[in-house]
Amino acid sequence: ALGALVGLHRFPGRGVITTILNTCFALPTVVVGLFIYLFLSHRGPLGMLGLLYTPGAMIIAQTILATPIIGALSLVAVKSVDPAITKSAISLGATRIQTTLAVLREARVAILAALIVGFGRVITEIGAAMIVGGNIKGTTRVMSTAIALETGKGKFELALALGIILLTIAFLINAGLYYLQRIRE
């Protein structure tokens, strides 16, 4: 939504937001995890919420990591829509909302790709998930942190099996996106 908003509308600060989105592509996951840890720890400003080492803390971290990627790629998707779509919608008497929806409809496959890239970032991420989630079995252990744990314990067969499962999930999601792109053509 952020990328579409920035891509579709002109407003003061648009360039700054675009630059921030692009800069955040390179957010180190452990640094994001550290900042969230400091905010959610007992002495942190949000410590009273009791979110540290919970799935909620992990969701916050993953959202912070995925949002810039999804936003920046959605911005590119919306900006790449042929301007004739907007001009045609306006000339046919479409409202601003109808015009926006027409552009979003045209960019939907690219926006879906942005969502998949964001999803790919969060399912493979280890640093922030480990720091704010604690890798607690049955609660906050996810596949990527389990792979790191099993590798550290020398259980390479299990780590590889989990890695293959993670790769299979990524492949199936990308195959689905490819299929949707082919249908659109």
N, C-alpha and C. Protein backbone atom coordinates (compact mmCIF):
# COMPACT_ATOMS: atom_id res chain seq x y z
N ALA A 1 0.83 -1.19 0.00
CA ALA A 1 0.00 0.00 0.00
C ALA A 1 0.87 1.25 0.00
N LEU A 2 1.96 1.22 0.78
CA LEU A 2 2.84 2.38 0.85
C LEU A 2 3.47 2.66 -0.51
N GLY A 3 3.97 1.63 -1.16
CA GLY A 3 4.59 1.80 -2.47
C GLY A 3 3.61 2.30 -3.51
N ALA A 4 2.39 1.77 -3.47
CA ALA A 4 1.36 2.21 -4.41
C ALA A 4 1.00 3.66 -4.15
N LEU A 5 0.88 4.03 -2.88
CA LEU A 5 0.55 5.41 -2.53
C LEU A 5 1.61 6.37 -3.04
N VAL A 6 2.87 6.03 -2.80
CA VAL A 6 3.97 6.89 -3.24
C VAL A 6 4.05 6.91 -4.76
N GLY A 7 3.80 5.78 -5.40
CA GLY A 7 3.89 5.71 -6.85
C GLY A 7 2.76 6.41 -7.58
N LEU A 8 1.59 6.46 -6.96
CA LEU A 8 0.42 7.01 -7.64
C LEU A 8 0.17 8.49 -7.39
N HIS A 9 0.71 9.01 -6.31
CA HIS A 9 0.37 10.39 -5.95
C HIS A 9 1.63 11.23 -5.76
N ARG A 10 1.53 12.47 -6.17
CA ARG A 10 2.62 13.42 -5.99
C ARG A 10 2.32 14.24 -4.73
N PHE A 11 3.33 14.33 -3.86
CA PHE A 11 3.17 15.10 -2.63
C PHE A 11 4.56 15.46 -2.11
N PRO A 12 4.64 16.49 -1.26
CA PRO A 12 5.94 16.87 -0.71
C PRO A 12 6.53 15.72 0.11
N GLY A 13 7.79 15.45 -0.07
CA GLY A 13 8.45 14.37 0.67
C GLY A 13 8.42 13.03 -0.05
N ARG A 14 7.83 12.99 -1.22
CA ARG A 14 7.73 11.74 -1.98
C ARG A 14 9.11 11.17 -2.29
N GLY A 15 10.03 12.04 -2.70
CA GLY A 15 11.39 11.59 -3.01
C GLY A 15 12.11 11.05 -1.78
N VAL A 16 11.87 11.68 -0.64
CA VAL A 16 12.50 11.23 0.61
C VAL A 16 11.98 9.84 0.98
N ILE A 17 10.67 9.64 0.87
CA ILE A 17 10.09 8.34 1.19
C ILE A 17 10.62 7.26 0.24
N THR A 18 10.73 7.60 -1.04
CA THR A 18 11.27 6.65 -2.02
C THR A 18 12.71 6.28 -1.66
N THR A 19 13.51 7.27 -1.30
CA THR A 19 14.91 7.02 -0.92
C THR A 19 14.99 6.16 0.33
N ILE A 20 14.13 6.43 1.31
CA ILE A 20 14.12 5.63 2.54
C ILE A 20 13.73 4.18 2.22
N LEU A 21 12.70 4.00 1.39
CA LEU A 21 12.29 2.64 1.02
C LEU A 21 13.45 1.89 0.36
N ASN A 22 14.12 2.55 -0.57
CA ASN A 22 15.23 1.90 -1.27
C ASN A 22 16.41 1.62 -0.34
N THR A 23 16.68 2.53 0.58
CA THR A 23 17.76 2.34 1.54
C THR A 23 17.47 1.16 2.46
N CYS A 24 16.22 1.00 2.83
CA CYS A 24 15.84 -0.06 3.77
C CYS A 24 15.91 -1.46 3.17
N PHE A 25 16.15 -1.55 1.86
CA PHE A 25 16.38 -2.86 1.24
C PHE A 25 17.55 -3.55 1.94
N ALA A 26 18.52 -2.76 2.36
CA ALA A 26 19.76 -3.31 2.92
C ALA A 26 19.77 -3.33 4.44
N LEU A 27 18.60 -3.27 5.07
CA LEU A 27 18.56 -3.30 6.53
C LEU A 27 19.18 -4.60 7.04
N PRO A 28 20.23 -4.50 7.86
CA PRO A 28 20.78 -5.73 8.45
C PRO A 28 19.77 -6.33 9.43
N THR A 29 19.46 -7.58 9.25
CA THR A 29 18.40 -8.19 10.07
C THR A 29 18.76 -8.23 11.54
N VAL A 30 20.04 -8.43 11.85
CA VAL A 30 20.42 -8.46 13.26
C VAL A 30 20.29 -7.09 13.91
N VAL A 31 20.52 -6.04 13.14
CA VAL A 31 20.37 -4.68 13.69
C VAL A 31 18.89 -4.39 13.95
N VAL A 32 18.03 -4.79 13.02
CA VAL A 32 16.58 -4.65 13.24
C VAL A 32 16.18 -5.43 14.49
N GLY A 33 16.68 -6.65 14.60
CA GLY A 33 16.39 -7.46 15.78
C GLY A 33 16.86 -6.81 17.06
N LEU A 34 18.05 -6.22 17.02
CA LEU A 34 18.59 -5.55 18.20
C LEU A 34 17.72 -4.37 18.62
N PHE A 35 17.34 -3.53 17.66
CA PHE A 35 16.49 -2.37 17.98
C PHE A 35 15.14 -2.82 18.56
N ILE A 36 14.55 -3.82 17.95
CA ILE A 36 13.26 -4.30 18.46
C ILE A 36 13.44 -4.91 19.84
N TYR A 37 14.53 -5.63 20.03
CA TYR A 37 14.83 -6.19 21.35
C TYR A 37 14.90 -5.08 22.39
N LEU A 38 15.63 -4.00 22.06
CA LEU A 38 15.77 -2.89 23.01
C LEU A 38 14.42 -2.23 23.31
N PHE A 39 13.57 -2.13 22.32
CA PHE A 39 12.24 -1.55 22.53
C PHE A 39 11.35 -2.46 23.36
N LEU A 40 11.46 -3.77 23.14
CA LEU A 40 10.55 -4.72 23.79
C LEU A 40 11.08 -5.32 25.09
N SER A 41 12.37 -5.09 25.39
CA SER A 41 12.93 -5.65 26.62
C SER A 41 12.26 -5.00 27.83
N HIS A 42 12.42 -5.61 28.99
CA HIS A 42 11.75 -5.12 30.20
C HIS A 42 12.07 -3.66 30.50
N ARG A 43 13.26 -3.22 30.18
CA ARG A 43 13.64 -1.82 30.41
C ARG A 43 13.34 -0.92 29.22
N GLY A 44 12.88 -1.49 28.14
CA GLY A 44 12.58 -0.72 26.94
C GLY A 44 11.24 -0.01 27.04
N PRO A 45 11.00 0.94 26.14
CA PRO A 45 9.76 1.71 26.20
C PRO A 45 8.49 0.88 26.00
N LEU A 46 8.60 -0.27 25.36
CA LEU A 46 7.43 -1.13 25.14
C LEU A 46 7.51 -2.44 25.93
N GLY A 47 8.40 -2.47 26.92
CA GLY A 47 8.60 -3.68 27.71
C GLY A 47 7.37 -4.14 28.45
N MET A 48 6.51 -3.20 28.83
CA MET A 48 5.31 -3.57 29.58
C MET A 48 4.34 -4.41 28.76
N LEU A 49 4.53 -4.47 27.45
CA LEU A 49 3.65 -5.27 26.59
C LEU A 49 3.96 -6.77 26.69
N GLY A 50 5.15 -7.10 27.16
CA GLY A 50 5.52 -8.50 27.32
C GLY A 50 5.63 -9.27 26.02
N LEU A 51 6.08 -8.60 24.97
CA LEU A 51 6.14 -9.25 23.66
C LEU A 51 7.46 -9.94 23.34
N LEU A 52 8.52 -9.62 24.08
CA LEU A 52 9.81 -10.21 23.77
C LEU A 52 9.74 -11.73 23.89
N TYR A 53 10.36 -12.42 22.95
CA TYR A 53 10.38 -13.88 22.86
C TYR A 53 8.99 -14.46 22.62
N THR A 54 8.20 -13.75 21.84
CA THR A 54 6.88 -14.24 21.46
C THR A 54 6.75 -14.16 19.94
N PRO A 55 5.79 -14.88 19.37
CA PRO A 55 5.54 -14.74 17.94
C PRO A 55 5.21 -13.29 17.56
N GLY A 56 4.57 -12.54 18.46
CA GLY A 56 4.25 -11.14 18.18
C GLY A 56 5.49 -10.31 17.91
N ALA A 57 6.54 -10.52 18.69
CA ALA A 57 7.80 -9.80 18.48
C ALA A 57 8.40 -10.17 17.13
N MET A 58 8.28 -11.43 16.76
CA MET A 58 8.81 -11.88 15.47
C MET A 58 8.02 -11.26 14.32
N ILE A 59 6.72 -11.15 14.49
CA ILE A 59 5.89 -10.53 13.45
C ILE A 59 6.27 -9.07 13.27
N ILE A 60 6.51 -8.37 14.37
CA ILE A 60 6.94 -6.97 14.29
C ILE A 60 8.25 -6.88 13.50
N ALA A 61 9.22 -7.73 13.85
CA ALA A 61 10.51 -7.71 13.17
C ALA A 61 10.37 -8.03 11.68
N GLN A 62 9.60 -9.06 11.37
CA GLN A 62 9.44 -9.46 9.97
C GLN A 62 8.71 -8.39 9.17
N THR A 63 7.75 -7.73 9.80
CA THR A 63 7.03 -6.66 9.12
C THR A 63 7.97 -5.50 8.80
N ILE A 64 8.82 -5.15 9.76
CA ILE A 64 9.78 -4.07 9.53
C ILE A 64 10.75 -4.44 8.42
N LEU A 65 11.12 -5.69 8.32
CA LEU A 65 12.05 -6.12 7.27
C LEU A 65 11.38 -6.22 5.90
N ALA A 66 10.14 -6.65 5.86
CA ALA A 66 9.46 -6.87 4.57
C ALA A 66 8.86 -5.60 3.99
N THR A 67 8.41 -4.69 4.83
CA THR A 67 7.69 -3.50 4.35
C THR A 67 8.48 -2.68 3.34
N PRO A 68 9.76 -2.36 3.59
CA PRO A 68 10.49 -1.57 2.58
C PRO A 68 10.63 -2.29 1.25
N ILE A 69 10.82 -3.60 1.29
CA ILE A 69 10.98 -4.36 0.05
C ILE A 69 9.67 -4.35 -0.73
N ILE A 70 8.59 -4.68 -0.06
CA ILE A 70 7.28 -4.70 -0.73
C ILE A 70 6.93 -3.30 -1.21
N GLY A 71 7.20 -2.31 -0.37
CA GLY A 71 6.88 -0.93 -0.74
C GLY A 71 7.65 -0.45 -1.95
N ALA A 72 8.97 -0.67 -1.95
CA ALA A 72 9.79 -0.19 -3.06
C ALA A 72 9.45 -0.92 -4.36
N LEU A 73 9.25 -2.23 -4.29
CA LEU A 73 8.91 -2.97 -5.51
C LEU A 73 7.50 -2.64 -6.01
N SER A 74 6.59 -2.38 -5.09
CA SER A 74 5.24 -1.95 -5.50
C SER A 74 5.28 -0.58 -6.14
N LEU A 75 6.13 0.28 -5.62
CA LEU A 75 6.32 1.61 -6.21
C LEU A 75 6.78 1.49 -7.66
N VAL A 76 7.78 0.64 -7.89
CA VAL A 76 8.27 0.42 -9.25
C VAL A 76 7.17 -0.17 -10.12
N ALA A 77 6.40 -1.11 -9.57
CA ALA A 77 5.31 -1.74 -10.33
C ALA A 77 4.29 -0.72 -10.78
N VAL A 78 3.90 0.15 -9.88
CA VAL A 78 2.87 1.15 -10.19
C VAL A 78 3.41 2.18 -11.18
N LYS A 79 4.67 2.59 -10.99
CA LYS A 79 5.25 3.58 -11.89
C LYS A 79 5.49 3.03 -13.29
N SER A 80 5.58 1.70 -13.41
CA SER A 80 5.84 1.10 -14.73
C SER A 80 4.56 0.89 -15.54
N VAL A 81 3.41 1.14 -14.95
CA VAL A 81 2.15 1.01 -15.69
C VAL A 81 2.12 2.10 -16.76
N ASP A 82 1.71 1.71 -17.94
CA ASP A 82 1.62 2.63 -19.07
C ASP A 82 0.77 3.85 -18.68
N PRO A 83 1.32 5.06 -18.82
CA PRO A 83 0.56 6.27 -18.48
C PRO A 83 -0.75 6.40 -19.27
N ALA A 84 -0.84 5.70 -20.39
CA ALA A 84 -2.07 5.75 -21.18
C ALA A 84 -3.25 5.18 -20.39
N ILE A 85 -2.99 4.26 -19.46
CA ILE A 85 -4.06 3.70 -18.63
C ILE A 85 -4.69 4.82 -17.80
N THR A 86 -3.84 5.60 -17.15
CA THR A 86 -4.33 6.72 -16.33
C THR A 86 -5.05 7.74 -17.19
N LYS A 87 -4.44 8.10 -18.31
CA LYS A 87 -5.06 9.10 -19.19
C LYS A 87 -6.40 8.61 -19.73
N SER A 88 -6.46 7.34 -20.10
CA SER A 88 -7.72 6.79 -20.61
C SER A 88 -8.80 6.81 -19.54
N ALA A 89 -8.43 6.41 -18.33
CA ALA A 89 -9.41 6.39 -17.24
C ALA A 89 -9.95 7.79 -16.96
N ILE A 90 -9.05 8.76 -16.93
CA ILE A 90 -9.47 10.14 -16.67
C ILE A 90 -10.35 10.66 -17.80
N SER A 91 -9.95 10.37 -19.05
CA SER A 91 -10.74 10.86 -20.19
C SER A 91 -12.12 10.22 -20.26
N LEU A 92 -12.26 9.04 -19.66
CA LEU A 92 -13.57 8.38 -19.63
C LEU A 92 -14.41 8.80 -18.42
N GLY A 93 -13.87 9.76 -17.66
CA GLY A 93 -14.62 10.30 -16.53
C GLY A 93 -14.45 9.55 -15.22
N ALA A 94 -13.42 8.74 -15.12
CA ALA A 94 -13.18 7.99 -13.89
C ALA A 94 -12.79 8.92 -12.76
N THR A 95 -13.24 8.58 -11.57
CA THR A 95 -12.84 9.34 -10.39
C THR A 95 -11.39 9.01 -10.06
N ARG A 96 -10.83 9.73 -9.09
CA ARG A 96 -9.45 9.48 -8.68
C ARG A 96 -9.30 8.05 -8.14
N ILE A 97 -10.28 7.61 -7.38
CA ILE A 97 -10.24 6.25 -6.82
C ILE A 97 -10.35 5.22 -7.94
N GLN A 98 -11.24 5.43 -8.89
CA GLN A 98 -11.39 4.50 -10.01
C GLN A 98 -10.11 4.44 -10.85
N THR A 99 -9.48 5.59 -11.04
CA THR A 99 -8.22 5.63 -11.79
C THR A 99 -7.14 4.87 -11.04
N THR A 100 -7.06 5.09 -9.73
CA THR A 100 -6.09 4.37 -8.91
C THR A 100 -6.31 2.87 -8.99
N LEU A 101 -7.56 2.45 -8.90
CA LEU A 101 -7.88 1.02 -8.99
C LEU A 101 -7.51 0.44 -10.35
N ALA A 102 -7.69 1.22 -11.41
CA ALA A 102 -7.32 0.76 -12.75
C ALA A 102 -5.81 0.53 -12.84
N VAL A 103 -5.04 1.45 -12.27
CA VAL A 103 -3.59 1.32 -12.29
C VAL A 103 -3.16 0.11 -11.44
N LEU A 104 -3.76 -0.03 -10.26
CA LEU A 104 -3.43 -1.16 -9.40
C LEU A 104 -3.79 -2.50 -10.05
N ARG A 105 -4.91 -2.52 -10.74
CA ARG A 105 -5.31 -3.74 -11.45
C ARG A 105 -4.28 -4.08 -12.53
N GLU A 106 -3.79 -3.07 -13.20
CA GLU A 106 -2.80 -3.28 -14.26
C GLU A 106 -1.46 -3.78 -13.67
N ALA A 107 -1.15 -3.33 -12.46
CA ALA A 107 0.13 -3.67 -11.83
C ALA A 107 0.03 -4.87 -10.88
N ARG A 108 -1.12 -5.53 -10.86
CA ARG A 108 -1.38 -6.55 -9.83
C ARG A 108 -0.37 -7.70 -9.81
N VAL A 109 0.07 -8.17 -10.96
CA VAL A 109 1.01 -9.29 -10.96
C VAL A 109 2.37 -8.84 -10.41
N ALA A 110 2.79 -7.64 -10.78
CA ALA A 110 4.06 -7.12 -10.25
C ALA A 110 3.95 -6.85 -8.75
N ILE A 111 2.79 -6.40 -8.29
CA ILE A 111 2.59 -6.19 -6.85
C ILE A 111 2.60 -7.53 -6.13
N LEU A 112 2.00 -8.54 -6.73
CA LEU A 112 2.04 -9.88 -6.15
C LEU A 112 3.49 -10.37 -6.07
N ALA A 113 4.27 -10.09 -7.09
CA ALA A 113 5.69 -10.45 -7.07
C ALA A 113 6.40 -9.74 -5.92
N ALA A 114 6.06 -8.48 -5.69
CA ALA A 114 6.65 -7.74 -4.56
C ALA A 114 6.31 -8.40 -3.24
N LEU A 115 5.07 -8.84 -3.10
CA LEU A 115 4.65 -9.54 -1.88
C LEU A 115 5.42 -10.84 -1.70
N ILE A 116 5.64 -11.54 -2.79
CA ILE A 116 6.37 -12.81 -2.72
C ILE A 116 7.83 -12.58 -2.36
N VAL A 117 8.43 -11.53 -2.89
CA VAL A 117 9.81 -11.21 -2.52
C VAL A 117 9.88 -10.86 -1.03
N GLY A 118 8.91 -10.09 -0.55
CA GLY A 118 8.86 -9.78 0.88
C GLY A 118 8.69 -11.03 1.72
N PHE A 119 7.83 -11.92 1.28
CA PHE A 119 7.62 -13.19 1.97
C PHE A 119 8.92 -14.01 1.98
N GLY A 120 9.60 -14.01 0.84
CA GLY A 120 10.88 -14.72 0.76
C GLY A 120 11.90 -14.18 1.74
N ARG A 121 11.88 -12.87 1.93
CA ARG A 121 12.80 -12.26 2.90
C ARG A 121 12.51 -12.77 4.30
N VAL A 122 11.25 -12.81 4.67
CA VAL A 122 10.93 -13.15 6.06
C VAL A 122 11.03 -14.65 6.35
N ILE A 123 10.77 -15.51 5.37
CA ILE A 123 10.86 -16.94 5.70
C ILE A 123 12.31 -17.42 5.75
N THR A 124 13.22 -16.67 5.17
CA THR A 124 14.62 -17.08 5.18
C THR A 124 15.45 -16.32 6.21
N GLU A 125 14.86 -15.37 6.88
CA GLU A 125 15.57 -14.50 7.81
C GLU A 125 15.87 -15.23 9.11
N ILE A 126 17.07 -14.99 9.65
CA ILE A 126 17.47 -15.64 10.90
C ILE A 126 17.73 -14.63 12.01
N GLY A 127 18.48 -13.57 11.70
CA GLY A 127 18.98 -12.66 12.73
C GLY A 127 17.93 -12.08 13.65
N ALA A 128 16.98 -11.37 13.10
CA ALA A 128 15.95 -10.73 13.93
C ALA A 128 15.07 -11.77 14.60
N ALA A 129 14.74 -12.83 13.88
CA ALA A 129 13.89 -13.88 14.46
C ALA A 129 14.56 -14.52 15.67
N MET A 130 15.85 -14.74 15.58
CA MET A 130 16.58 -15.35 16.69
C MET A 130 16.67 -14.40 17.88
N ILE A 131 16.93 -13.12 17.61
CA ILE A 131 17.11 -12.15 18.70
C ILE A 131 15.80 -11.87 19.43
N VAL A 132 14.73 -11.60 18.71
CA VAL A 132 13.48 -11.22 19.38
C VAL A 132 12.58 -12.41 19.70
N GLY A 133 12.81 -13.53 19.01
CA GLY A 133 11.99 -14.71 19.26
C GLY A 133 12.63 -15.70 20.21
N GLY A 134 13.95 -15.72 20.23
CA GLY A 134 14.66 -16.61 21.14
C GLY A 134 14.78 -18.05 20.67
N ASN A 135 14.21 -18.39 19.52
CA ASN A 135 14.29 -19.75 18.96
C ASN A 135 13.78 -20.80 19.95
N ILE A 136 12.65 -20.51 20.57
CA ILE A 136 12.07 -21.39 21.59
C ILE A 136 11.25 -22.48 20.91
N LYS A 137 11.62 -23.73 21.18
CA LYS A 137 10.94 -24.87 20.56
C LYS A 137 9.44 -24.83 20.86
N GLY A 138 8.65 -24.98 19.82
CA GLY A 138 7.20 -25.02 19.98
C GLY A 138 6.54 -23.65 20.07
N THR A 139 7.35 -22.60 20.12
CA THR A 139 6.78 -21.25 20.25
C THR A 139 7.30 -20.30 19.19
N THR A 140 8.62 -20.10 19.18
CA THR A 140 9.18 -19.12 18.26
C THR A 140 10.25 -19.71 17.33
N ARG A 141 10.40 -21.01 17.33
CA ARG A 141 11.36 -21.62 16.42
C ARG A 141 10.70 -21.74 15.05
N VAL A 142 11.34 -21.16 14.07
CA VAL A 142 10.86 -21.24 12.68
C VAL A 142 11.89 -22.03 11.88
N MET A 143 11.57 -22.33 10.66
CA MET A 143 12.42 -23.21 9.88
C MET A 143 13.85 -22.67 9.73
N SER A 144 13.99 -21.38 9.47
CA SER A 144 15.34 -20.83 9.27
C SER A 144 16.16 -20.88 10.56
N THR A 145 15.54 -20.58 11.70
CA THR A 145 16.29 -20.65 12.96
C THR A 145 16.57 -22.10 13.35
N ALA A 146 15.67 -23.00 12.99
CA ALA A 146 15.90 -24.43 13.26
C ALA A 146 17.09 -24.93 12.44
N ILE A 147 17.21 -24.47 11.21
CA ILE A 147 18.35 -24.86 10.37
C ILE A 147 19.65 -24.40 11.02
N ALA A 148 19.68 -23.15 11.49
CA ALA A 148 20.88 -22.63 12.16
C ALA A 148 21.19 -23.43 13.42
N LEU A 149 20.17 -23.73 14.19
CA LEU A 149 20.36 -24.49 15.43
C LEU A 149 20.90 -25.89 15.15
N GLU A 150 20.28 -26.59 14.20
CA GLU A 150 20.70 -27.96 13.90
C GLU A 150 22.10 -28.00 13.29
N THR A 151 22.45 -27.00 12.51
CA THR A 151 23.80 -26.91 11.96
C THR A 151 24.80 -26.73 13.10
N GLY A 152 24.47 -25.84 14.04
CA GLY A 152 25.34 -25.61 15.20
C GLY A 152 25.52 -26.85 16.06
N LYS A 153 24.52 -27.70 16.10
CA LYS A 153 24.59 -28.95 16.88
C LYS A 153 25.26 -30.07 16.09
N GLY A 154 25.61 -29.80 14.84
CA GLY A 154 26.24 -30.82 14.01
C GLY A 154 25.27 -31.79 13.38
N LYS A 155 24.00 -31.51 13.43
CA LYS A 155 22.98 -32.38 12.82
C LYS A 155 22.71 -31.89 11.39
N PHE A 156 23.70 -32.14 10.54
CA PHE A 156 23.64 -31.61 9.18
C PHE A 156 22.55 -32.24 8.34
N GLU A 157 22.25 -33.51 8.58
CA GLU A 157 21.20 -34.17 7.80
C GLU A 157 19.86 -33.49 8.03
N LEU A 158 19.55 -33.22 9.30
CA LEU A 158 18.29 -32.54 9.62
C LEU A 158 18.29 -31.12 9.07
N ALA A 159 19.41 -30.43 9.23
CA ALA A 159 19.51 -29.06 8.71
C ALA A 159 19.31 -29.04 7.19
N LEU A 160 19.92 -29.99 6.50
CA LEU A 160 19.75 -30.08 5.04
C LEU A 160 18.31 -30.42 4.66
N ALA A 161 17.70 -31.33 5.40
CA ALA A 161 16.30 -31.68 5.12
C ALA A 161 15.40 -30.46 5.29
N LEU A 162 15.61 -29.71 6.35
CA LEU A 162 14.82 -28.49 6.56
C LEU A 162 15.11 -27.47 5.45
N GLY A 163 16.38 -27.39 5.05
CA GLY A 163 16.74 -26.49 3.96
C GLY A 163 16.05 -26.86 2.66
N ILE A 164 15.98 -28.14 2.38
CA ILE A 164 15.30 -28.61 1.16
C ILE A 164 13.81 -28.28 1.23
N ILE A 165 13.21 -28.45 2.39
CA ILE A 165 11.80 -28.10 2.55
C ILE A 165 11.60 -26.60 2.32
N LEU A 166 12.48 -25.78 2.89
CA LEU A 166 12.38 -24.33 2.71
C LEU A 166 12.54 -23.94 1.24
N LEU A 167 13.50 -24.57 0.56
CA LEU A 167 13.68 -24.31 -0.87
C LEU A 167 12.47 -24.76 -1.68
N THR A 168 11.88 -25.87 -1.30
CA THR A 168 10.69 -26.37 -1.99
C THR A 168 9.53 -25.39 -1.84
N ILE A 169 9.35 -24.87 -0.64
CA ILE A 169 8.30 -23.86 -0.42
C ILE A 169 8.55 -22.65 -1.30
N ALA A 170 9.79 -22.16 -1.32
CA ALA A 170 10.13 -21.00 -2.15
C ALA A 170 9.88 -21.30 -3.63
N PHE A 171 10.28 -22.50 -4.07
CA PHE A 171 10.07 -22.88 -5.46
C PHE A 171 8.59 -22.91 -5.82
N LEU A 172 7.78 -23.53 -4.97
CA LEU A 172 6.34 -23.63 -5.26
C LEU A 172 5.68 -22.26 -5.32
N ILE A 173 6.07 -21.38 -4.43
CA ILE A 173 5.51 -20.03 -4.45
C ILE A 173 5.91 -19.31 -5.73
N ASN A 174 7.17 -19.41 -6.11
CA ASN A 174 7.62 -18.75 -7.33
C ASN A 174 7.05 -19.41 -8.58
N ALA A 175 6.83 -20.70 -8.55
CA ALA A 175 6.18 -21.38 -9.68
C ALA A 175 4.75 -20.88 -9.83
N GLY A 176 4.08 -20.68 -8.71
CA GLY A 176 2.73 -20.12 -8.75
C GLY A 176 2.72 -18.72 -9.34
N LEU A 177 3.69 -17.90 -8.96
CA LEU A 177 3.79 -16.55 -9.53
C LEU A 177 4.06 -16.62 -11.02
N TYR A 178 4.95 -17.50 -11.43
CA TYR A 178 5.25 -17.66 -12.85
C TYR A 178 3.99 -18.05 -13.62
N TYR A 179 3.22 -18.97 -13.06
CA TYR A 179 1.97 -19.40 -13.68
C TYR A 179 1.01 -18.22 -13.83
N LEU A 180 0.88 -17.41 -12.78
CA LEU A 180 -0.01 -16.24 -12.86
C LEU A 180 0.47 -15.24 -13.91
N GLN A 181 1.79 -15.08 -14.02
CA GLN A 181 2.33 -14.17 -15.03
C GLN A 181 2.05 -14.70 -16.43
N ARG A 182 2.15 -16.00 -16.62
CA ARG A 182 1.89 -16.60 -17.93
C ARG A 182 0.42 -16.46 -18.32
N ILE A 183 -0.47 -16.61 -17.35
CA ILE A 183 -1.90 -16.45 -17.62
C ILE A 183 -2.17 -15.03 -18.11
N ARG A 184 -1.51 -14.07 -17.50
CA ARG A 184 -1.72 -12.65 -17.83
C ARG A 184 -1.28 -12.35 -19.26
N GLU A 185 -0.26 -13.05 -19.73
CA GLU A 185 0.24 -12.82 -21.10
C GLU A 185 -0.75 -13.40 -22.06
